[in-house]
């Protein structure tokens, strides 16, 4: 795990910060900035990444602390990405996990949603979805 952390520190992901808790290397406080060309521009979204005791054989859990209007992130802050569920493999690096989270955040898709109402709006009225996402990001 310290090797994974070193890799992330050696090759940081632009717009992403990772701080392991001093007393618990299995719990990371992370944040991701919204892309300058997306609906979350100007926003910084905090999330916790928790590694299970049997990592890397089990996927980490990710929970957003910052509320976000997003079809793939629910009210409780859980993010819907296959790599953290059924597509997890022990060979997946934490850098990859962070990059996938950043990609998902900045590219909301109505497919495989956690929030069907938000996904439906994204499909039926993208302009309204974008306006609502921008408004929520300002808050």
N, C-alpha and C. Protein backbone atom coordinates (compact mmCIF):
# COMPACT_ATOMS: atom_id res chain seq x y z
N UNK A 1 0.82 -1.20 0.00
CA UNK A 1 0.00 0.00 0.00
C UNK A 1 0.86 1.26 0.00
N UNK A 2 1.99 1.22 0.73
CA UNK A 2 2.86 2.40 0.72
C UNK A 2 3.44 2.61 -0.67
N UNK A 3 3.62 1.53 -1.43
CA UNK A 3 4.10 1.63 -2.82
C UNK A 3 3.05 2.36 -3.67
N UNK A 4 1.78 2.02 -3.47
CA UNK A 4 0.69 2.67 -4.20
C UNK A 4 0.67 4.17 -3.90
N UNK A 5 0.84 4.50 -2.63
CA UNK A 5 0.84 5.89 -2.21
C UNK A 5 2.02 6.64 -2.83
N UNK A 6 3.18 5.98 -2.85
CA UNK A 6 4.37 6.58 -3.46
C UNK A 6 4.12 6.85 -4.95
N UNK A 7 3.51 5.89 -5.64
CA UNK A 7 3.21 6.08 -7.07
C UNK A 7 2.31 7.29 -7.28
N UNK A 8 1.29 7.44 -6.42
CA UNK A 8 0.36 8.57 -6.54
C UNK A 8 1.09 9.88 -6.26
N UNK A 9 1.99 9.88 -5.28
CA UNK A 9 2.75 11.10 -4.97
C UNK A 9 3.77 11.41 -6.06
N UNK A 10 4.35 10.36 -6.66
CA UNK A 10 5.34 10.56 -7.73
C UNK A 10 4.69 11.02 -9.04
N UNK A 11 3.50 10.52 -9.29
CA UNK A 11 2.78 10.88 -10.52
C UNK A 11 1.38 11.36 -10.14
N UNK A 12 1.30 12.56 -9.56
CA UNK A 12 -0.02 13.04 -9.11
C UNK A 12 -0.98 13.21 -10.29
N UNK A 13 -2.25 13.05 -9.99
CA UNK A 13 -3.29 13.26 -11.00
C UNK A 13 -3.72 14.71 -10.88
N UNK A 14 -3.66 15.43 -11.98
CA UNK A 14 -4.01 16.84 -11.99
C UNK A 14 -5.45 17.03 -11.51
N UNK A 15 -5.64 17.91 -10.54
CA UNK A 15 -6.98 18.18 -10.03
C UNK A 15 -7.43 17.24 -8.92
N UNK A 16 -6.52 16.37 -8.47
CA UNK A 16 -6.88 15.38 -7.44
C UNK A 16 -5.89 15.50 -6.29
N UNK A 17 -6.41 15.48 -5.06
CA UNK A 17 -5.49 15.45 -3.92
C UNK A 17 -5.82 14.24 -3.05
N UNK A 18 -4.78 13.66 -2.46
CA UNK A 18 -4.91 12.45 -1.66
C UNK A 18 -4.11 12.63 -0.38
N UNK A 19 -4.78 12.50 0.76
CA UNK A 19 -4.13 12.60 2.07
C UNK A 19 -4.50 11.40 2.93
N UNK A 20 -3.60 10.46 3.12
CA UNK A 20 -3.92 9.35 4.03
C UNK A 20 -4.01 9.89 5.46
N UNK A 21 -4.91 9.34 6.26
CA UNK A 21 -4.99 9.75 7.66
C UNK A 21 -3.73 9.28 8.37
N UNK A 22 -3.19 10.14 9.23
CA UNK A 22 -1.92 9.83 9.90
C UNK A 22 -1.98 8.54 10.70
N UNK A 23 -3.11 8.31 11.37
CA UNK A 23 -3.22 7.15 12.25
C UNK A 23 -3.82 5.92 11.56
N UNK A 24 -4.19 6.06 10.27
CA UNK A 24 -4.83 4.95 9.57
C UNK A 24 -4.55 5.03 8.07
N UNK A 25 -3.56 4.29 7.59
CA UNK A 25 -3.21 4.33 6.17
C UNK A 25 -4.26 3.68 5.28
N UNK A 26 -5.27 3.05 5.89
CA UNK A 26 -6.35 2.43 5.12
C UNK A 26 -7.45 3.43 4.78
N UNK A 27 -7.37 4.63 5.35
CA UNK A 27 -8.39 5.65 5.13
C UNK A 27 -7.74 6.90 4.53
N UNK A 28 -8.19 7.26 3.33
CA UNK A 28 -7.63 8.41 2.63
C UNK A 28 -8.69 9.49 2.48
N UNK A 29 -8.30 10.74 2.77
CA UNK A 29 -9.16 11.89 2.50
C UNK A 29 -8.73 12.43 1.14
N UNK A 30 -9.65 12.44 0.20
CA UNK A 30 -9.31 12.84 -1.16
C UNK A 30 -10.23 13.97 -1.60
N UNK A 31 -9.79 14.68 -2.62
CA UNK A 31 -10.68 15.65 -3.25
C UNK A 31 -10.35 15.71 -4.73
N UNK A 32 -11.37 16.04 -5.51
CA UNK A 32 -11.23 16.15 -6.96
C UNK A 32 -11.88 17.47 -7.38
N UNK A 33 -11.19 18.18 -8.26
CA UNK A 33 -11.72 19.44 -8.77
C UNK A 33 -12.52 19.16 -10.04
N UNK A 34 -13.61 19.90 -10.21
CA UNK A 34 -14.39 19.79 -11.44
C UNK A 34 -13.56 20.31 -12.61
N UNK A 35 -13.68 19.67 -13.77
CA UNK A 35 -12.94 20.09 -14.97
C UNK A 35 -13.40 21.47 -15.41
N UNK A 36 -12.48 22.23 -15.98
CA UNK A 36 -12.79 23.61 -16.37
C UNK A 36 -13.80 23.67 -17.51
N UNK A 37 -13.99 22.56 -18.23
CA UNK A 37 -14.94 22.57 -19.35
C UNK A 37 -16.22 21.78 -19.04
N UNK A 38 -16.46 21.50 -17.75
CA UNK A 38 -17.62 20.67 -17.41
C UNK A 38 -18.60 21.38 -16.50
N UNK A 39 -19.68 20.69 -16.17
CA UNK A 39 -20.73 21.28 -15.33
C UNK A 39 -20.30 21.49 -13.88
N UNK A 40 -19.17 20.90 -13.47
CA UNK A 40 -18.72 21.01 -12.08
C UNK A 40 -17.52 21.95 -11.94
N UNK A 41 -17.31 22.77 -12.97
CA UNK A 41 -16.23 23.75 -12.99
C UNK A 41 -16.27 24.61 -11.73
N UNK A 42 -15.10 24.80 -11.10
CA UNK A 42 -15.01 25.64 -9.92
C UNK A 42 -15.33 24.89 -8.63
N UNK A 43 -15.81 23.67 -8.75
CA UNK A 43 -16.16 22.90 -7.56
C UNK A 43 -15.02 21.99 -7.12
N UNK A 44 -14.91 21.79 -5.82
CA UNK A 44 -13.99 20.80 -5.27
C UNK A 44 -14.83 19.83 -4.46
N UNK A 45 -14.73 18.56 -4.81
CA UNK A 45 -15.58 17.54 -4.21
C UNK A 45 -14.74 16.59 -3.38
N UNK A 46 -15.04 16.55 -2.09
CA UNK A 46 -14.28 15.71 -1.16
C UNK A 46 -14.89 14.32 -1.08
N UNK A 47 -14.01 13.32 -0.97
CA UNK A 47 -14.48 11.96 -0.77
C UNK A 47 -13.48 11.18 0.07
N UNK A 48 -13.98 10.14 0.72
CA UNK A 48 -13.12 9.24 1.50
C UNK A 48 -12.95 7.95 0.70
N UNK A 49 -11.72 7.48 0.68
CA UNK A 49 -11.42 6.20 0.06
C UNK A 49 -10.93 5.30 1.18
N UNK A 50 -11.64 4.19 1.38
CA UNK A 50 -11.27 3.27 2.46
C UNK A 50 -10.86 1.94 1.87
N UNK A 51 -9.68 1.48 2.29
CA UNK A 51 -9.16 0.21 1.81
C UNK A 51 -9.56 -0.91 2.77
N UNK A 52 -10.10 -2.00 2.23
CA UNK A 52 -10.45 -3.12 3.11
C UNK A 52 -9.18 -3.81 3.61
N UNK A 53 -9.29 -4.54 4.69
CA UNK A 53 -8.14 -5.26 5.26
C UNK A 53 -7.54 -6.23 4.25
N UNK A 54 -8.38 -6.80 3.38
CA UNK A 54 -7.88 -7.77 2.40
C UNK A 54 -7.57 -7.14 1.03
N UNK A 55 -7.33 -5.82 1.01
CA UNK A 55 -6.89 -5.15 -0.22
C UNK A 55 -5.54 -5.76 -0.63
N UNK A 56 -5.25 -6.02 -1.88
CA UNK A 56 -6.00 -5.66 -3.10
C UNK A 56 -7.00 -6.71 -3.58
N UNK A 57 -7.35 -7.67 -2.75
CA UNK A 57 -8.26 -8.71 -3.21
C UNK A 57 -9.72 -8.26 -3.18
N UNK A 58 -9.97 -7.17 -2.48
CA UNK A 58 -11.30 -6.57 -2.43
C UNK A 58 -11.15 -5.09 -2.76
N UNK A 59 -12.13 -4.56 -3.48
CA UNK A 59 -12.08 -3.16 -3.93
C UNK A 59 -12.19 -2.19 -2.75
N UNK A 60 -11.58 -1.00 -2.88
CA UNK A 60 -11.77 0.02 -1.86
C UNK A 60 -13.21 0.56 -1.92
N UNK A 61 -13.66 1.17 -0.84
CA UNK A 61 -14.96 1.82 -0.89
C UNK A 61 -14.72 3.33 -0.98
N UNK A 62 -15.59 3.98 -1.73
CA UNK A 62 -15.47 5.42 -1.98
C UNK A 62 -16.80 6.07 -1.62
N UNK A 63 -16.73 7.11 -0.78
CA UNK A 63 -17.94 7.84 -0.40
C UNK A 63 -17.64 9.35 -0.49
N UNK A 64 -18.44 10.04 -1.29
CA UNK A 64 -18.30 11.49 -1.41
C UNK A 64 -18.89 12.17 -0.19
N UNK A 65 -18.14 13.14 0.38
CA UNK A 65 -18.63 13.94 1.50
C UNK A 65 -19.35 15.19 0.98
N UNK A 66 -18.91 15.67 -0.18
CA UNK A 66 -19.49 16.87 -0.77
C UNK A 66 -20.71 16.46 -1.60
N UNK A 67 -21.82 17.12 -1.37
CA UNK A 67 -23.03 16.85 -2.18
C UNK A 67 -22.74 17.24 -3.63
N UNK A 68 -23.24 16.43 -4.53
CA UNK A 68 -23.05 16.71 -5.96
C UNK A 68 -24.28 16.26 -6.73
N UNK A 69 -24.69 17.08 -7.67
CA UNK A 69 -25.84 16.77 -8.52
C UNK A 69 -25.31 15.97 -9.70
N UNK A 70 -25.41 14.65 -9.62
CA UNK A 70 -24.74 13.77 -10.59
C UNK A 70 -25.54 12.46 -10.72
N UNK A 71 -25.75 11.98 -11.94
CA UNK A 71 -26.53 10.74 -12.09
C UNK A 71 -25.83 9.50 -11.53
N UNK A 72 -24.51 9.56 -11.41
CA UNK A 72 -23.75 8.39 -10.97
C UNK A 72 -23.28 8.45 -9.52
N UNK A 73 -23.72 9.48 -8.77
CA UNK A 73 -23.34 9.60 -7.35
C UNK A 73 -24.64 9.86 -6.58
N UNK A 74 -24.94 8.97 -5.63
CA UNK A 74 -26.23 9.09 -4.95
C UNK A 74 -26.17 10.02 -3.73
N UNK A 75 -27.33 10.21 -3.12
CA UNK A 75 -27.46 11.10 -1.95
C UNK A 75 -26.48 10.74 -0.82
N UNK A 76 -26.20 9.45 -0.66
CA UNK A 76 -25.28 9.01 0.40
C UNK A 76 -23.82 9.20 0.01
N UNK A 77 -23.57 9.59 -1.24
CA UNK A 77 -22.20 9.84 -1.70
C UNK A 77 -21.53 8.65 -2.35
N UNK A 78 -22.28 7.58 -2.60
CA UNK A 78 -21.70 6.41 -3.26
C UNK A 78 -21.62 6.66 -4.76
N UNK A 79 -20.52 6.25 -5.37
CA UNK A 79 -20.31 6.46 -6.80
C UNK A 79 -20.48 5.13 -7.52
N UNK A 80 -21.12 5.20 -8.66
CA UNK A 80 -21.43 4.00 -9.44
C UNK A 80 -20.36 3.80 -10.53
N UNK A 81 -19.34 3.03 -10.22
CA UNK A 81 -18.34 2.68 -11.23
C UNK A 81 -18.06 1.17 -11.14
N UNK A 82 -18.11 0.48 -12.28
CA UNK A 82 -17.92 -0.98 -12.29
C UNK A 82 -16.60 -1.44 -11.67
N UNK A 83 -15.56 -0.63 -11.80
CA UNK A 83 -14.24 -1.02 -11.27
C UNK A 83 -14.26 -1.19 -9.75
N UNK A 84 -15.21 -0.53 -9.07
CA UNK A 84 -15.32 -0.67 -7.62
C UNK A 84 -16.33 -1.75 -7.23
N UNK A 85 -16.93 -2.38 -8.24
CA UNK A 85 -17.92 -3.43 -7.96
C UNK A 85 -17.47 -4.72 -8.62
N UNK A 86 -18.21 -5.15 -9.63
CA UNK A 86 -17.98 -6.46 -10.24
C UNK A 86 -16.75 -6.54 -11.14
N UNK A 87 -16.17 -5.39 -11.54
CA UNK A 87 -15.00 -5.44 -12.41
C UNK A 87 -13.68 -5.28 -11.65
N UNK A 88 -13.72 -5.34 -10.34
CA UNK A 88 -12.50 -5.20 -9.54
C UNK A 88 -11.57 -6.38 -9.78
N UNK A 89 -10.27 -6.07 -9.90
CA UNK A 89 -9.22 -7.10 -9.98
C UNK A 89 -8.07 -6.65 -9.08
N UNK A 90 -7.38 -7.58 -8.44
CA UNK A 90 -6.25 -7.20 -7.57
C UNK A 90 -5.16 -6.41 -8.30
N UNK A 91 -5.12 -6.52 -9.63
CA UNK A 91 -4.08 -5.80 -10.39
C UNK A 91 -4.41 -4.33 -10.61
N UNK A 92 -5.63 -3.91 -10.30
CA UNK A 92 -6.02 -2.51 -10.48
C UNK A 92 -5.29 -1.65 -9.45
N UNK A 93 -4.63 -0.59 -9.92
CA UNK A 93 -3.91 0.28 -8.99
C UNK A 93 -4.84 1.36 -8.44
N UNK A 94 -4.45 1.93 -7.32
CA UNK A 94 -5.25 3.01 -6.74
C UNK A 94 -5.18 4.26 -7.62
N UNK A 95 -4.09 4.45 -8.34
CA UNK A 95 -4.02 5.56 -9.31
C UNK A 95 -5.12 5.41 -10.35
N UNK A 96 -5.32 4.17 -10.80
CA UNK A 96 -6.38 3.90 -11.78
C UNK A 96 -7.74 4.19 -11.17
N UNK A 97 -7.96 3.76 -9.94
CA UNK A 97 -9.24 4.01 -9.25
C UNK A 97 -9.50 5.52 -9.20
N UNK A 98 -8.50 6.30 -8.81
CA UNK A 98 -8.67 7.75 -8.70
C UNK A 98 -8.95 8.38 -10.06
N UNK A 99 -8.26 7.90 -11.10
CA UNK A 99 -8.48 8.43 -12.45
C UNK A 99 -9.90 8.12 -12.93
N UNK A 100 -10.39 6.92 -12.62
CA UNK A 100 -11.75 6.52 -13.01
C UNK A 100 -12.78 7.39 -12.28
N UNK A 101 -12.55 7.65 -11.00
CA UNK A 101 -13.46 8.51 -10.22
C UNK A 101 -13.50 9.91 -10.84
N UNK A 102 -12.33 10.44 -11.17
CA UNK A 102 -12.26 11.78 -11.76
C UNK A 102 -12.98 11.81 -13.10
N UNK A 103 -12.77 10.80 -13.92
CA UNK A 103 -13.41 10.69 -15.23
C UNK A 103 -14.93 10.63 -15.08
N UNK A 104 -15.41 9.81 -14.16
CA UNK A 104 -16.85 9.64 -13.93
C UNK A 104 -17.48 10.95 -13.45
N UNK A 105 -16.78 11.62 -12.51
CA UNK A 105 -17.30 12.88 -11.99
C UNK A 105 -17.47 13.91 -13.10
N UNK A 106 -16.45 14.05 -13.94
CA UNK A 106 -16.45 15.11 -14.95
C UNK A 106 -17.20 14.76 -16.23
N UNK A 107 -17.61 13.51 -16.37
CA UNK A 107 -18.34 13.09 -17.57
C UNK A 107 -19.61 12.34 -17.17
N UNK A 108 -20.59 13.07 -16.61
CA UNK A 108 -21.81 12.41 -16.16
C UNK A 108 -22.51 11.74 -17.34
N UNK A 109 -22.98 10.52 -17.09
CA UNK A 109 -23.66 9.76 -18.13
C UNK A 109 -24.97 9.21 -17.57
N UNK A 110 -26.01 9.17 -18.40
CA UNK A 110 -27.29 8.64 -17.92
C UNK A 110 -27.30 7.11 -17.84
N UNK A 111 -26.24 6.46 -18.33
CA UNK A 111 -26.19 5.00 -18.31
C UNK A 111 -25.75 4.50 -16.94
N UNK A 112 -26.34 3.41 -16.48
CA UNK A 112 -25.99 2.79 -15.20
C UNK A 112 -26.04 3.80 -14.05
N UNK A 113 -27.17 4.53 -13.90
CA UNK A 113 -27.22 5.59 -12.90
C UNK A 113 -27.54 5.10 -11.49
N UNK A 114 -27.13 5.90 -10.51
CA UNK A 114 -27.56 5.71 -9.12
C UNK A 114 -28.77 6.60 -8.87
N UNK A 115 -28.88 7.66 -9.64
CA UNK A 115 -29.97 8.63 -9.48
C UNK A 115 -30.77 8.69 -10.79
N UNK A 116 -31.80 7.83 -10.93
CA UNK A 116 -32.56 7.74 -12.18
C UNK A 116 -33.21 9.07 -12.61
N UNK A 117 -33.67 9.87 -11.65
CA UNK A 117 -34.31 11.14 -12.01
C UNK A 117 -33.31 12.10 -12.66
N UNK A 118 -32.11 12.15 -12.10
CA UNK A 118 -31.07 13.02 -12.65
C UNK A 118 -30.64 12.50 -14.02
N UNK A 119 -30.52 11.18 -14.15
CA UNK A 119 -30.15 10.58 -15.43
C UNK A 119 -31.21 10.87 -16.50
N UNK A 120 -32.48 10.79 -16.10
CA UNK A 120 -33.58 11.06 -17.04
C UNK A 120 -33.51 12.51 -17.53
N UNK A 121 -33.22 13.44 -16.62
CA UNK A 121 -33.11 14.84 -17.00
C UNK A 121 -31.92 15.04 -17.94
N UNK A 122 -30.80 14.40 -17.65
CA UNK A 122 -29.62 14.49 -18.51
C UNK A 122 -29.96 14.01 -19.92
N UNK A 123 -30.78 12.95 -20.03
CA UNK A 123 -31.18 12.41 -21.34
C UNK A 123 -32.16 13.33 -22.05
N UNK A 124 -33.17 13.82 -21.30
CA UNK A 124 -34.27 14.54 -21.94
C UNK A 124 -34.01 16.03 -22.11
N UNK A 125 -33.23 16.63 -21.19
CA UNK A 125 -33.01 18.08 -21.23
C UNK A 125 -31.62 18.38 -20.70
N UNK A 126 -30.62 18.15 -21.57
CA UNK A 126 -29.23 18.30 -21.13
C UNK A 126 -28.93 19.72 -20.63
N UNK A 127 -29.50 20.73 -21.29
CA UNK A 127 -29.26 22.12 -20.89
C UNK A 127 -29.73 22.36 -19.45
N UNK A 128 -30.90 21.82 -19.11
CA UNK A 128 -31.44 21.99 -17.76
C UNK A 128 -30.57 21.23 -16.75
N UNK A 129 -30.15 20.02 -17.13
CA UNK A 129 -29.25 19.25 -16.27
C UNK A 129 -27.98 20.05 -15.99
N UNK A 130 -27.36 20.59 -17.05
CA UNK A 130 -26.10 21.34 -16.90
C UNK A 130 -26.30 22.56 -16.02
N UNK A 131 -27.41 23.28 -16.23
CA UNK A 131 -27.70 24.47 -15.42
C UNK A 131 -27.86 24.09 -13.94
N UNK A 132 -28.58 23.00 -13.69
CA UNK A 132 -28.80 22.55 -12.31
C UNK A 132 -27.48 22.09 -11.66
N UNK A 133 -26.67 21.37 -12.41
CA UNK A 133 -25.38 20.91 -11.91
C UNK A 133 -24.48 22.10 -11.58
N UNK A 134 -24.47 23.11 -12.47
CA UNK A 134 -23.63 24.31 -12.23
C UNK A 134 -24.13 25.06 -11.00
N UNK A 135 -25.43 25.19 -10.87
CA UNK A 135 -26.04 25.90 -9.74
C UNK A 135 -25.68 25.19 -8.43
N UNK A 136 -25.81 23.87 -8.41
CA UNK A 136 -25.50 23.09 -7.21
C UNK A 136 -24.01 23.16 -6.87
N UNK A 137 -23.18 23.23 -7.89
CA UNK A 137 -21.72 23.30 -7.67
C UNK A 137 -21.35 24.62 -6.99
N UNK A 138 -22.03 25.70 -7.36
CA UNK A 138 -21.77 27.01 -6.74
C UNK A 138 -22.05 26.97 -5.25
N UNK A 139 -23.11 26.22 -4.86
CA UNK A 139 -23.48 26.13 -3.44
C UNK A 139 -22.38 25.44 -2.68
